[in-house]
Amino acid sequence: MKFLLSLLCTTMLVLFSGLQLVFGQSAEVSLEVGEQVFTDNCAVCHVGGNNVIAPEKTLKIGALEDNSKDSVEAIINQVTNGNGSMPAFGAKLDENEIQSVATYVLNQAKTDSW
């Protein structure tokens, strides 16, 4: 009987651990994913961190600071909802893609890597 109880407890532990892995964790934010999302969706207007529509609103750190877009949260909001001439991507990209591209943009700006 002890063996069966032990086996049952072990099985339940493995099952719940597996469910935690599948449902309990969000996908990791990745600079590589962010770069790919940027290339596929943003580079046409923001090639090299510039802005072909509104040249004063580049993705360089100074312009991001001037426009209060110098945090991952602010960039997520911009990408998700759009603003001005920038369209919203909230319906096109998933949460992980948006977080990854926001992290990528801010990283590029802060490291002057455009």
PDB file of N, CA and C in Angstrom:
ATOM      1  N   MET A   1       0.819  -1.199   0.000  1.00  0.00           N
ATOM      2  CA  MET A   1       0.000   0.000   0.000  1.00  0.00           C
ATOM      3  C   MET A   1       0.868   1.271   0.000  1.00  0.00           C
ATOM      4  N   LYS A   2       1.949   1.260   0.800  1.00  0.00           N
ATOM      5  CA  LYS A   2       2.841   2.410   0.836  1.00  0.00           C
ATOM      6  C   LYS A   2       3.443   2.667  -0.539  1.00  0.00           C
ATOM      7  N   PHE A   3       3.767   1.585  -1.233  1.00  0.00           N
ATOM      8  CA  PHE A   3       4.340   1.711  -2.570  1.00  0.00           C
ATOM      9  C   PHE A   3       3.367   2.410  -3.513  1.00  0.00           C
ATOM     10  N   LEU A   4       2.100   1.994  -3.481  1.00  0.00           N
ATOM     11  CA  LEU A   4       1.086   2.599  -4.356  1.00  0.00           C
ATOM     12  C   LEU A   4       0.879   4.079  -4.030  1.00  0.00           C
ATOM     13  N   LEU A   5       0.867   4.400  -2.747  1.00  0.00           N
ATOM     14  CA  LEU A   5       0.705   5.797  -2.338  1.00  0.00           C
ATOM     15  C   LEU A   5       1.901   6.629  -2.787  1.00  0.00           C
ATOM     16  N   SER A   6       3.082   6.076  -2.631  1.00  0.00           N
ATOM     17  CA  SER A   6       4.290   6.762  -3.070  1.00  0.00           C
ATOM     18  C   SER A   6       4.291   6.976  -4.584  1.00  0.00           C
ATOM     19  N   LEU A   7       3.889   5.938  -5.305  1.00  0.00           N
ATOM     20  CA  LEU A   7       3.811   6.030  -6.762  1.00  0.00           C
ATOM     21  C   LEU A   7       2.791   7.082  -7.194  1.00  0.00           C
ATOM     22  N   LEU A   8       1.649   7.109  -6.528  1.00  0.00           N
ATOM     23  CA  LEU A   8       0.614   8.089  -6.841  1.00  0.00           C
ATOM     24  C   LEU A   8       1.122   9.511  -6.577  1.00  0.00           C
ATOM     25  N   CYS A   9       1.772   9.717  -5.442  1.00  0.00           N
ATOM     26  CA  CYS A   9       2.298  11.052  -5.108  1.00  0.00           C
ATOM     27  C   CYS A   9       3.364  11.492  -6.111  1.00  0.00           C
ATOM     28  N   THR A  10       4.240  10.592  -6.497  1.00  0.00           N
ATOM     29  CA  THR A  10       5.278  10.903  -7.473  1.00  0.00           C
ATOM     30  C   THR A  10       4.671  11.259  -8.821  1.00  0.00           C
ATOM     31  N   THR A  11       3.671  10.485  -9.233  1.00  0.00           N
ATOM     32  CA  THR A  11       2.984  10.746 -10.501  1.00  0.00           C
ATOM     33  C   THR A  11       2.325  12.122 -10.480  1.00  0.00           C
ATOM     34  N   MET A  12       1.662  12.454  -9.389  1.00  0.00           N
ATOM     35  CA  MET A  12       0.991  13.760  -9.278  1.00  0.00           C
ATOM     36  C   MET A  12       2.021  14.893  -9.316  1.00  0.00           C
ATOM     37  N   LEU A  13       3.145  14.695  -8.638  1.00  0.00           N
ATOM     38  CA  LEU A  13       4.186  15.706  -8.634  1.00  0.00           C
ATOM     39  C   LEU A  13       4.727  15.951 -10.042  1.00  0.00           C
ATOM     40  N   VAL A  14       4.989  14.894 -10.766  1.00  0.00           N
ATOM     41  CA  VAL A  14       5.476  15.016 -12.141  1.00  0.00           C
ATOM     42  C   VAL A  14       4.423  15.687 -13.021  1.00  0.00           C
ATOM     43  N   LEU A  15       3.169  15.300 -12.864  1.00  0.00           N
ATOM     44  CA  LEU A  15       2.090  15.886 -13.658  1.00  0.00           C
ATOM     45  C   LEU A  15       1.972  17.380 -13.403  1.00  0.00           C
ATOM     46  N   PHE A  16       1.943  17.789 -12.142  1.00  0.00           N
ATOM     47  CA  PHE A  16       1.814  19.210 -11.816  1.00  0.00           C
ATOM     48  C   PHE A  16       3.042  20.004 -12.240  1.00  0.00           C
ATOM     49  N   SER A  17       4.213  19.397 -12.141  1.00  0.00           N
ATOM     50  CA  SER A  17       5.428  20.075 -12.612  1.00  0.00           C
ATOM     51  C   SER A  17       5.364  20.296 -14.112  1.00  0.00           C
ATOM     52  N   GLY A  18       4.891  19.307 -14.843  1.00  0.00           N
ATOM     53  CA  GLY A  18       4.747  19.436 -16.293  1.00  0.00           C
ATOM     54  C   GLY A  18       3.757  20.517 -16.660  1.00  0.00           C
ATOM     55  N   LEU A  19       2.647  20.589 -15.934  1.00  0.00           N
ATOM     56  CA  LEU A  19       1.661  21.633 -16.204  1.00  0.00           C
ATOM     57  C   LEU A  19       2.230  23.014 -15.911  1.00  0.00           C
ATOM     58  N   GLN A  20       3.042  23.109 -14.870  1.00  0.00           N
ATOM     59  CA  GLN A  20       3.694  24.379 -14.551  1.00  0.00           C
ATOM     60  C   GLN A  20       4.583  24.825 -15.702  1.00  0.00           C
ATOM     61  N   LEU A  21       5.321  23.901 -16.280  1.00  0.00           N
ATOM     62  CA  LEU A  21       6.196  24.241 -17.399  1.00  0.00           C
ATOM     63  C   LEU A  21       5.408  24.680 -18.615  1.00  0.00           C
ATOM     64  N   VAL A  22       4.289  24.040 -18.873  1.00  0.00           N
ATOM     65  CA  VAL A  22       3.496  24.350 -20.056  1.00  0.00           C
ATOM     66  C   VAL A  22       2.682  25.616 -19.873  1.00  0.00           C
ATOM     67  N   PHE A  23       2.009  25.744 -18.731  1.00  0.00           N
ATOM     68  CA  PHE A  23       1.078  26.857 -18.550  1.00  0.00           C
ATOM     69  C   PHE A  23       1.577  27.963 -17.637  1.00  0.00           C
ATOM     70  N   GLY A  24       2.563  27.691 -16.804  1.00  0.00           N
ATOM     71  CA  GLY A  24       2.956  28.642 -15.783  1.00  0.00           C
ATOM     72  C   GLY A  24       4.050  29.600 -16.187  1.00  0.00           C
ATOM     73  N   GLN A  25       4.709  29.377 -17.287  1.00  0.00           N
ATOM     74  CA  GLN A  25       5.814  30.239 -17.665  1.00  0.00           C
ATOM     75  C   GLN A  25       5.541  30.898 -19.003  1.00  0.00           C
ATOM     76  N   SER A  26       5.828  32.167 -19.062  1.00  0.00           N
ATOM     77  CA  SER A  26       5.705  32.850 -20.346  1.00  0.00           C
ATOM     78  C   SER A  26       6.995  32.636 -21.132  1.00  0.00           C
ATOM     79  N   ALA A  27       6.906  32.861 -22.406  1.00  0.00           N
ATOM     80  CA  ALA A  27       8.091  32.710 -23.251  1.00  0.00           C
ATOM     81  C   ALA A  27       9.125  33.756 -22.847  1.00  0.00           C
ATOM     82  N   GLU A  28      10.372  33.432 -23.023  1.00  0.00           N
ATOM     83  CA  GLU A  28      11.443  34.349 -22.658  1.00  0.00           C
ATOM     84  C   GLU A  28      11.569  35.487 -23.661  1.00  0.00           C
ATOM     85  N   VAL A  29      11.831  36.665 -23.135  1.00  0.00           N
ATOM     86  CA  VAL A  29      12.131  37.806 -23.986  1.00  0.00           C
ATOM     87  C   VAL A  29      13.513  37.569 -24.586  1.00  0.00           C
ATOM     88  N   SER A  30      13.638  37.773 -25.879  1.00  0.00           N
ATOM     89  CA  SER A  30      14.864  37.454 -26.580  1.00  0.00           C
ATOM     90  C   SER A  30      15.260  38.579 -27.524  1.00  0.00           C
ATOM     91  N   LEU A  31      16.525  38.983 -27.449  1.00  0.00           N
ATOM     92  CA  LEU A  31      17.016  39.995 -28.389  1.00  0.00           C
ATOM     93  C   LEU A  31      17.003  39.458 -29.812  1.00  0.00           C
ATOM     94  N   GLU A  32      17.233  38.163 -29.973  1.00  0.00           N
ATOM     95  CA  GLU A  32      17.211  37.567 -31.311  1.00  0.00           C
ATOM     96  C   GLU A  32      15.800  37.617 -31.900  1.00  0.00           C
ATOM     97  N   VAL A  33      14.805  37.279 -31.085  1.00  0.00           N
ATOM     98  CA  VAL A  33      13.411  37.379 -31.536  1.00  0.00           C
ATOM     99  C   VAL A  33      13.093  38.841 -31.830  1.00  0.00           C
ATOM    100  N   GLY A  34      13.510  39.730 -30.949  1.00  0.00           N
ATOM    101  CA  GLY A  34      13.267  41.157 -31.151  1.00  0.00           C
ATOM    102  C   GLY A  34      13.872  41.680 -32.439  1.00  0.00           C
ATOM    103  N   GLU A  35      15.078  41.240 -32.733  1.00  0.00           N
ATOM    104  CA  GLU A  35      15.728  41.664 -33.979  1.00  0.00           C
ATOM    105  C   GLU A  35      14.948  41.167 -35.198  1.00  0.00           C
ATOM    106  N   GLN A  36      14.476  39.938 -35.145  1.00  0.00           N
ATOM    107  CA  GLN A  36      13.712  39.385 -36.267  1.00  0.00           C
ATOM    108  C   GLN A  36      12.378  40.112 -36.437  1.00  0.00           C
ATOM    109  N   VAL A  37      11.696  40.378 -35.329  1.00  0.00           N
ATOM    110  CA  VAL A  37      10.434  41.124 -35.389  1.00  0.00           C
ATOM    111  C   VAL A  37      10.684  42.513 -35.960  1.00  0.00           C
ATOM    112  N   PHE A  38      11.762  43.159 -35.508  1.00  0.00           N
ATOM    113  CA  PHE A  38      12.109  44.485 -36.012  1.00  0.00           C
ATOM    114  C   PHE A  38      12.360  44.441 -37.515  1.00  0.00           C
ATOM    115  N   THR A  39      13.150  43.492 -37.957  1.00  0.00           N
ATOM    116  CA  THR A  39      13.472  43.350 -39.382  1.00  0.00           C
ATOM    117  C   THR A  39      12.208  43.124 -40.201  1.00  0.00           C
ATOM    118  N   ASP A  40      11.323  42.290 -39.707  1.00  0.00           N
ATOM    119  CA  ASP A  40      10.106  41.931 -40.444  1.00  0.00           C
ATOM    120  C   ASP A  40       9.033  43.013 -40.428  1.00  0.00           C
ATOM    121  N   ASN A  41       8.993  43.845 -39.383  1.00  0.00           N
ATOM    122  CA  ASN A  41       7.861  44.758 -39.214  1.00  0.00           C
ATOM    123  C   ASN A  41       8.212  46.234 -39.098  1.00  0.00           C
ATOM    124  N   CYS A  42       9.430  46.545 -38.679  1.00  0.00           N
ATOM    125  CA  CYS A  42       9.759  47.924 -38.328  1.00  0.00           C
ATOM    126  C   CYS A  42      10.801  48.571 -39.240  1.00  0.00           C
ATOM    127  N   ALA A  43      11.691  47.753 -39.770  1.00  0.00           N
ATOM    128  CA  ALA A  43      12.852  48.284 -40.486  1.00  0.00           C
ATOM    129  C   ALA A  43      12.476  49.097 -41.716  1.00  0.00           C
ATOM    130  N   VAL A  44      11.328  48.837 -42.306  1.00  0.00           N
ATOM    131  CA  VAL A  44      10.948  49.592 -43.498  1.00  0.00           C
ATOM    132  C   VAL A  44      10.842  51.095 -43.195  1.00  0.00           C
ATOM    133  N   CYS A  45      10.402  51.440 -41.992  1.00  0.00           N
ATOM    134  CA  CYS A  45      10.323  52.856 -41.596  1.00  0.00           C
ATOM    135  C   CYS A  45      11.469  53.276 -40.683  1.00  0.00           C
ATOM    136  N   HIS A  46      12.062  52.319 -39.984  1.00  0.00           N
ATOM    137  CA  HIS A  46      13.071  52.643 -38.974  1.00  0.00           C
ATOM    138  C   HIS A  46      14.437  52.045 -39.295  1.00  0.00           C
ATOM    139  N   VAL A  47      14.786  51.967 -40.545  1.00  0.00           N
ATOM    140  CA  VAL A  47      16.082  51.399 -40.939  1.00  0.00           C
ATOM    141  C   VAL A  47      17.211  52.172 -40.258  1.00  0.00           C
ATOM    142  N   GLY A  48      18.124  51.432 -39.653  1.00  0.00           N
ATOM    143  CA  GLY A  48      19.257  52.051 -38.979  1.00  0.00           C
ATOM    144  C   GLY A  48      18.892  52.875 -37.767  1.00  0.00           C
ATOM    145  N   GLY A  49      17.703  52.641 -37.201  1.00  0.00           N
ATOM    146  CA  GLY A  49      17.253  53.411 -36.043  1.00  0.00           C
ATOM    147  C   GLY A  49      16.723  54.786 -36.399  1.00  0.00           C
ATOM    148  N   ASN A  50      16.578  55.053 -37.683  1.00  0.00           N
ATOM    149  CA  ASN A  50      16.054  56.340 -38.141  1.00  0.00           C
ATOM    150  C   ASN A  50      14.540  56.265 -38.282  1.00  0.00           C
ATOM    151  N   ASN A  51      13.939  57.302 -38.821  1.00  0.00           N
ATOM    152  CA  ASN A  51      12.497  57.337 -39.035  1.00  0.00           C
ATOM    153  C   ASN A  51      12.256  58.045 -40.364  1.00  0.00           C
ATOM    154  N   VAL A  52      11.826  57.295 -41.368  1.00  0.00           N
ATOM    155  CA  VAL A  52      11.640  57.881 -42.697  1.00  0.00           C
ATOM    156  C   VAL A  52      10.375  58.732 -42.792  1.00  0.00           C
ATOM    157  N   ILE A  53       9.446  58.557 -41.870  1.00  0.00           N
ATOM    158  CA  ILE A  53       8.191  59.326 -41.883  1.00  0.00           C
ATOM    159  C   ILE A  53       8.338  60.630 -41.091  1.00  0.00           C
ATOM    160  N   ALA A  54       8.860  60.527 -39.879  1.00  0.00           N
ATOM    161  CA  ALA A  54       9.065  61.691 -39.008  1.00  0.00           C
ATOM    162  C   ALA A  54      10.535  61.702 -38.581  1.00  0.00           C
ATOM    163  N   PRO A  55      11.409  62.314 -39.390  1.00  0.00           N
ATOM    164  CA  PRO A  55      12.861  62.224 -39.168  1.00  0.00           C
ATOM    165  C   PRO A  55      13.344  62.638 -37.775  1.00  0.00           C
ATOM    166  N   GLU A  56      12.604  63.483 -37.093  1.00  0.00           N
ATOM    167  CA  GLU A  56      13.019  63.917 -35.754  1.00  0.00           C
ATOM    168  C   GLU A  56      12.725  62.859 -34.686  1.00  0.00           C
ATOM    169  N   LYS A  57      11.904  61.860 -35.005  1.00  0.00           N
ATOM    170  CA  LYS A  57      11.531  60.821 -34.041  1.00  0.00           C
ATOM    171  C   LYS A  57      12.254  59.520 -34.359  1.00  0.00           C
ATOM    172  N   THR A  58      13.574  59.558 -34.190  1.00  0.00           N
ATOM    173  CA  THR A  58      14.379  58.374 -34.448  1.00  0.00           C
ATOM    174  C   THR A  58      14.291  57.420 -33.257  1.00  0.00           C
ATOM    175  N   LEU A  59      14.980  56.306 -33.371  1.00  0.00           N
ATOM    176  CA  LEU A  59      15.066  55.349 -32.277  1.00  0.00           C
ATOM    177  C   LEU A  59      16.396  55.477 -31.544  1.00  0.00           C
ATOM    178  N   LYS A  60      17.066  56.597 -31.724  1.00  0.00           N
ATOM    179  CA  LYS A  60      18.288  56.897 -30.988  1.00  0.00           C
ATOM    180  C   LYS A  60      17.887  57.303 -29.566  1.00  0.00           C
ATOM    181  N   ILE A  61      18.764  57.074 -28.602  1.00  0.00           N
ATOM    182  CA  ILE A  61      18.400  57.267 -27.196  1.00  0.00           C
ATOM    183  C   ILE A  61      17.966  58.702 -26.897  1.00  0.00           C
ATOM    184  N   GLY A  62      18.611  59.694 -27.496  1.00  0.00           N
ATOM    185  CA  GLY A  62      18.224  61.082 -27.251  1.00  0.00           C
ATOM    186  C   GLY A  62      16.794  61.376 -27.686  1.00  0.00           C
ATOM    187  N   ALA A  63      16.420  60.897 -28.858  1.00  0.00           N
ATOM    188  CA  ALA A  63      15.050  61.106 -29.349  1.00  0.00           C
ATOM    189  C   ALA A  63      14.047  60.319 -28.507  1.00  0.00           C
ATOM    190  N   LEU A  64      14.411  59.106 -28.107  1.00  0.00           N
ATOM    191  CA  LEU A  64      13.514  58.327 -27.249  1.00  0.00           C
ATOM    192  C   LEU A  64      13.283  59.057 -25.928  1.00  0.00           C
ATOM    193  N   GLU A  65      14.347  59.606 -25.354  1.00  0.00           N
ATOM    194  CA  GLU A  65      14.217  60.363 -24.106  1.00  0.00           C
ATOM    195  C   GLU A  65      13.363  61.609 -24.317  1.00  0.00           C
ATOM    196  N   ASP A  66      13.612  62.335 -25.402  1.00  0.00           N
ATOM    197  CA  ASP A  66      12.851  63.559 -25.690  1.00  0.00           C
ATOM    198  C   ASP A  66      11.358  63.287 -25.847  1.00  0.00           C
ATOM    199  N   ASN A  67      11.017  62.088 -26.335  1.00  0.00           N
ATOM    200  CA  ASN A  67       9.622  61.736 -26.587  1.00  0.00           C
ATOM    201  C   ASN A  67       9.038  60.792 -25.533  1.00  0.00           C
ATOM    202  N   SER A  68       9.725  60.663 -24.403  1.00  0.00           N
ATOM    203  CA  SER A  68       9.293  59.789 -23.294  1.00  0.00           C
ATOM    204  C   SER A  68       9.046  58.354 -23.743  1.00  0.00           C
ATOM    205  N   LYS A  69       9.908  57.869 -24.610  1.00  0.00           N
ATOM    206  CA  LYS A  69       9.820  56.487 -25.107  1.00  0.00           C
ATOM    207  C   LYS A  69      11.075  55.707 -24.726  1.00  0.00           C
ATOM    208  N   ASP A  70      11.719  56.088 -23.626  1.00  0.00           N
ATOM    209  CA  ASP A  70      13.002  55.510 -23.244  1.00  0.00           C
ATOM    210  C   ASP A  70      12.892  54.434 -22.161  1.00  0.00           C
ATOM    211  N   SER A  71      11.800  53.667 -22.208  1.00  0.00           N
ATOM    212  CA  SER A  71      11.648  52.514 -21.324  1.00  0.00           C
ATOM    213  C   SER A  71      10.984  51.399 -22.124  1.00  0.00           C
ATOM    214  N   VAL A  72      11.196  50.185 -21.682  1.00  0.00           N
ATOM    215  CA  VAL A  72      10.567  49.042 -22.359  1.00  0.00           C
ATOM    216  C   VAL A  72       9.046  49.201 -22.324  1.00  0.00           C
ATOM    217  N   GLU A  73       8.502  49.646 -21.205  1.00  0.00           N
ATOM    218  CA  GLU A  73       7.049  49.806 -21.073  1.00  0.00           C
ATOM    219  C   GLU A  73       6.506  50.828 -22.082  1.00  0.00           C
ATOM    220  N   ALA A  74       7.208  51.947 -22.238  1.00  0.00           N
ATOM    221  CA  ALA A  74       6.762  52.976 -23.185  1.00  0.00           C
ATOM    222  C   ALA A  74       6.824  52.466 -24.623  1.00  0.00           C
ATOM    223  N   ILE A  75       7.866  51.698 -24.940  1.00  0.00           N
ATOM    224  CA  ILE A  75       7.993  51.157 -26.296  1.00  0.00           C
ATOM    225  C   ILE A  75       6.931  50.083 -26.532  1.00  0.00           C
ATOM    226  N   ILE A  76       6.667  49.259 -25.519  1.00  0.00           N
ATOM    227  CA  ILE A  76       5.593  48.264 -25.636  1.00  0.00           C
ATOM    228  C   ILE A  76       4.274  48.954 -25.946  1.00  0.00           C
ATOM    229  N   ASN A  77       3.979  50.034 -25.235  1.00  0.00           N
ATOM    230  CA  ASN A  77       2.744  50.780 -25.471  1.00  0.00           C
ATOM    231  C   ASN A  77       2.700  51.330 -26.897  1.00  0.00           C
ATOM    232  N   GLN A  78       3.807  51.880 -27.365  1.00  0.00           N
ATOM    233  CA  GLN A  78       3.880  52.437 -28.722  1.00  0.00           C
ATOM    234  C   GLN A  78       3.651  51.345 -29.770  1.00  0.00           C
ATOM    235  N   VAL A  79       4.332  50.213 -29.603  1.00  0.00           N
ATOM    236  CA  VAL A  79       4.202  49.118 -30.573  1.00  0.00           C
ATOM    237  C   VAL A  79       2.788  48.541 -30.535  1.00  0.00           C
ATOM    238  N   THR A  80       2.256  48.350 -29.357  1.00  0.00           N
ATOM    239  CA  THR A  80       0.934  47.734 -29.204  1.00  0.00           C
ATOM    240  C   THR A  80      -0.175  48.624 -29.751  1.00  0.00           C
ATOM    241  N   ASN A  81      -0.145  49.909 -29.391  1.00  0.00           N
ATOM    242  CA  ASN A  81      -1.254  50.809 -29.696  1.00  0.00           C
ATOM    243  C   ASN A  81      -1.003  51.767 -30.853  1.00  0.00           C
ATOM    244  N   GLY A  82       0.254  51.901 -31.262  1.00  0.00           N
ATOM    245  CA  GLY A  82       0.565  52.886 -32.294  1.00  0.00           C
ATOM    246  C   GLY A  82       0.386  54.289 -31.749  1.00  0.00           C
ATOM    247  N   ASN A  83       0.731  55.268 -32.572  1.00  0.00           N
ATOM    248  CA  ASN A  83       0.552  56.670 -32.190  1.00  0.00           C
ATOM    249  C   ASN A  83       0.997  57.514 -33.366  1.00  0.00           C
ATOM    250  N   GLY A  84       0.238  58.553 -33.672  1.00  0.00           N
ATOM    251  CA  GLY A  84       0.587  59.404 -34.798  1.00  0.00           C
ATOM    252  C   GLY A  84       0.601  58.597 -36.080  1.00  0.00           C
ATOM    253  N   SER A  85       1.699  58.671 -36.809  1.00  0.00           N
ATOM    254  CA  SER A  85       1.781  57.974 -38.093  1.00  0.00           C
ATOM    255  C   SER A  85       2.171  56.501 -37.945  1.00  0.00           C
ATOM    256  N   MET A  86       2.520  56.072 -36.726  1.00  0.00           N
ATOM    257  CA  MET A  86       2.892  54.676 -36.525  1.00  0.00           C
ATOM    258  C   MET A  86       1.651  53.838 -36.266  1.00  0.00           C
ATOM    259  N   PRO A  87       1.476  52.771 -37.037  1.00  0.00           N
ATOM    260  CA  PRO A  87       0.309  51.908 -36.821  1.00  0.00           C
ATOM    261  C   PRO A  87       0.483  51.035 -35.574  1.00  0.00           C
ATOM    262  N   ALA A  88      -0.610  50.535 -35.068  1.00  0.00           N
ATOM    263  CA  ALA A  88      -0.599  49.606 -33.940  1.00  0.00           C
ATOM    264  C   ALA A  88      -0.264  48.200 -34.434  1.00  0.00           C
ATOM    265  N   PHE A  89       0.528  47.489 -33.656  1.00  0.00           N
ATOM    266  CA  PHE A  89       0.893  46.112 -33.988  1.00  0.00           C
ATOM    267  C   PHE A  89       0.342  45.118 -32.972  1.00  0.00           C
ATOM    268  N   GLY A  90      -0.494  45.595 -32.052  1.00  0.00           N
ATOM    269  CA  GLY A  90      -1.033  44.735 -31.001  1.00  0.00           C
ATOM    270  C   GLY A  90      -1.842  43.565 -31.512  1.00  0.00           C
ATOM    271  N   ALA A  91      -2.503  43.720 -32.646  1.00  0.00           N
ATOM    272  CA  ALA A  91      -3.302  42.624 -33.209  1.00  0.00           C
ATOM    273  C   ALA A  91      -2.458  41.700 -34.088  1.00  0.00           C
ATOM    274  N   LYS A  92      -1.283  42.153 -34.488  1.00  0.00           N
ATOM    275  CA  LYS A  92      -0.444  41.374 -35.397  1.00  0.00           C
ATOM    276  C   LYS A  92       0.621  40.560 -34.672  1.00  0.00           C
ATOM    277  N   LEU A  93       1.178  41.127 -33.603  1.00  0.00           N
ATOM    278  CA  LEU A  93       2.269  40.488 -32.866  1.00  0.00           C
ATOM    279  C   LEU A  93       1.762  39.964 -31.528  1.00  0.00           C
ATOM    280  N   ASP A  94       2.349  38.857 -31.066  1.00  0.00           N
ATOM    281  CA  ASP A  94       1.961  38.355 -29.750  1.00  0.00           C
ATOM    282  C   ASP A  94       2.753  39.090 -28.665  1.00  0.00           C
ATOM    283  N   GLU A  95       2.382  38.843 -27.428  1.00  0.00           N
ATOM    284  CA  GLU A  95       2.974  39.557 -26.292  1.00  0.00           C
ATOM    285  C   GLU A  95       4.492  39.373 -26.234  1.00  0.00           C
ATOM    286  N   ASN A  96       4.973  38.162 -26.443  1.00  0.00           N
ATOM    287  CA  ASN A  96       6.404  37.909 -26.396  1.00  0.00           C
ATOM    288  C   ASN A  96       7.129  38.643 -27.523  1.00  0.00           C
ATOM    289  N   GLU A  97       6.553  38.676 -28.715  1.00  0.00           N
ATOM    290  CA  GLU A  97       7.177  39.398 -29.829  1.00  0.00           C
ATOM    291  C   GLU A  97       7.266  40.888 -29.519  1.00  0.00           C
ATOM    292  N   ILE A  98       6.201  41.448 -28.943  1.00  0.00           N
ATOM    293  CA  ILE A  98       6.192  42.874 -28.605  1.00  0.00           C
ATOM    294  C   ILE A  98       7.213  43.171 -27.515  1.00  0.00           C
ATOM    295  N   GLN A  99       7.257  42.345 -26.473  1.00  0.00           N
ATOM    296  CA  GLN A  99       8.246  42.548 -25.415  1.00  0.00           C
ATOM    297  C   GLN A  99       9.668  42.408 -25.954  1.00  0.00           C
ATOM    298  N   SER A 100       9.861  41.440 -26.829  1.00  0.00           N
ATOM    299  CA  SER A 100      11.196  41.218 -27.388  1.00  0.00           C
ATOM    300  C   SER A 100      11.636  42.370 -28.280  1.00  0.00           C
ATOM    301  N   VAL A 101      10.744  42.875 -29.130  1.00  0.00           N
ATOM    302  CA  VAL A 101      11.131  43.981 -30.011  1.00  0.00           C
ATOM    303  C   VAL A 101      11.347  45.261 -29.206  1.00  0.00           C
ATOM    304  N   ALA A 102      10.553  45.476 -28.165  1.00  0.00           N
ATOM    305  CA  ALA A 102      10.755  46.653 -27.312  1.00  0.00           C
ATOM    306  C   ALA A 102      12.108  46.584 -26.610  1.00  0.00           C
ATOM    307  N   THR A 103      12.454  45.423 -26.108  1.00  0.00           N
ATOM    308  CA  THR A 103      13.748  45.231 -25.459  1.00  0.00           C
ATOM    309  C   THR A 103      14.881  45.416 -26.458  1.00  0.00           C
ATOM    310  N   TYR A 104      14.705  44.889 -27.650  1.00  0.00           N
ATOM    311  CA  TYR A 104      15.717  45.036 -28.710  1.00  0.00           C
ATOM    312  C   TYR A 104      15.926  46.513 -29.065  1.00  0.00           C
ATOM    313  N   VAL A 105      14.840  47.249 -29.274  1.00  0.00           N
ATOM    314  CA  VAL A 105      14.944  48.665 -29.645  1.00  0.00           C
ATOM    315  C   VAL A 105      15.667  49.453 -28.559  1.00  0.00           C
ATOM    316  N   LEU A 106      15.271  49.251 -27.306  1.00  0.00           N
ATOM    317  CA  LEU A 106      15.914  49.993 -26.222  1.00  0.00           C
ATOM    318  C   LEU A 106      17.380  49.592 -26.076  1.00  0.00           C
ATOM    319  N   ASN A 107      17.681  48.329 -26.226  1.00  0.00           N
ATOM    320  CA  ASN A 107      19.068  47.872 -26.171  1.00  0.00           C
ATOM    321  C   ASN A 107      19.899  48.511 -27.286  1.00  0.00           C
ATOM    322  N   GLN A 108      19.372  48.530 -28.492  1.00  0.00           N
ATOM    323  CA  GLN A 108      20.089  49.145 -29.616  1.00  0.00           C
ATOM    324  C   GLN A 108      20.337  50.629 -29.345  1.00  0.00           C
ATOM    325  N   ALA A 109      19.326  51.302 -28.797  1.00  0.00           N
ATOM    326  CA  ALA A 109      19.461  52.730 -28.535  1.00  0.00           C
ATOM    327  C   ALA A 109      20.480  52.996 -27.426  1.00  0.00           C
ATOM    328  N   LYS A 110      20.375  52.248 -26.335  1.00  0.00           N
ATOM    329  CA  LYS A 110      21.266  52.489 -25.189  1.00  0.00           C
ATOM    330  C   LYS A 110      22.715  52.120 -25.487  1.00  0.00           C
ATOM    331  N   THR A 111      22.933  51.181 -26.370  1.00  0.00           N
ATOM    332  CA  THR A 111      24.306  50.769 -26.700  1.00  0.00           C
ATOM    333  C   THR A 111      24.807  51.435 -27.970  1.00  0.00           C
ATOM    334  N   ASP A 112      24.014  52.354 -28.510  1.00  0.00           N
ATOM    335  CA  ASP A 112      24.349  53.070 -29.743  1.00  0.00           C
ATOM    336  C   ASP A 112      24.753  52.081 -30.842  1.00  0.00           C
ATOM    337  N   SER A 113      23.911  51.065 -30.998  1.00  0.00           N
ATOM    338  CA  SER A 113      24.210  49.979 -31.938  1.00  0.00           C
ATOM    339  C   SER A 113      23.445  50.066 -33.248  1.00  0.00           C
ATOM    340  N   TRP A 114      22.771  51.170 -33.477  1.00  0.00           N
ATOM    341  CA  TRP A 114      22.065  51.294 -34.761  1.00  0.00           C
ATOM    342  C   TRP A 114      23.102  51.480 -35.831  1.00  0.00           C
TER     343      TRP A 114
END
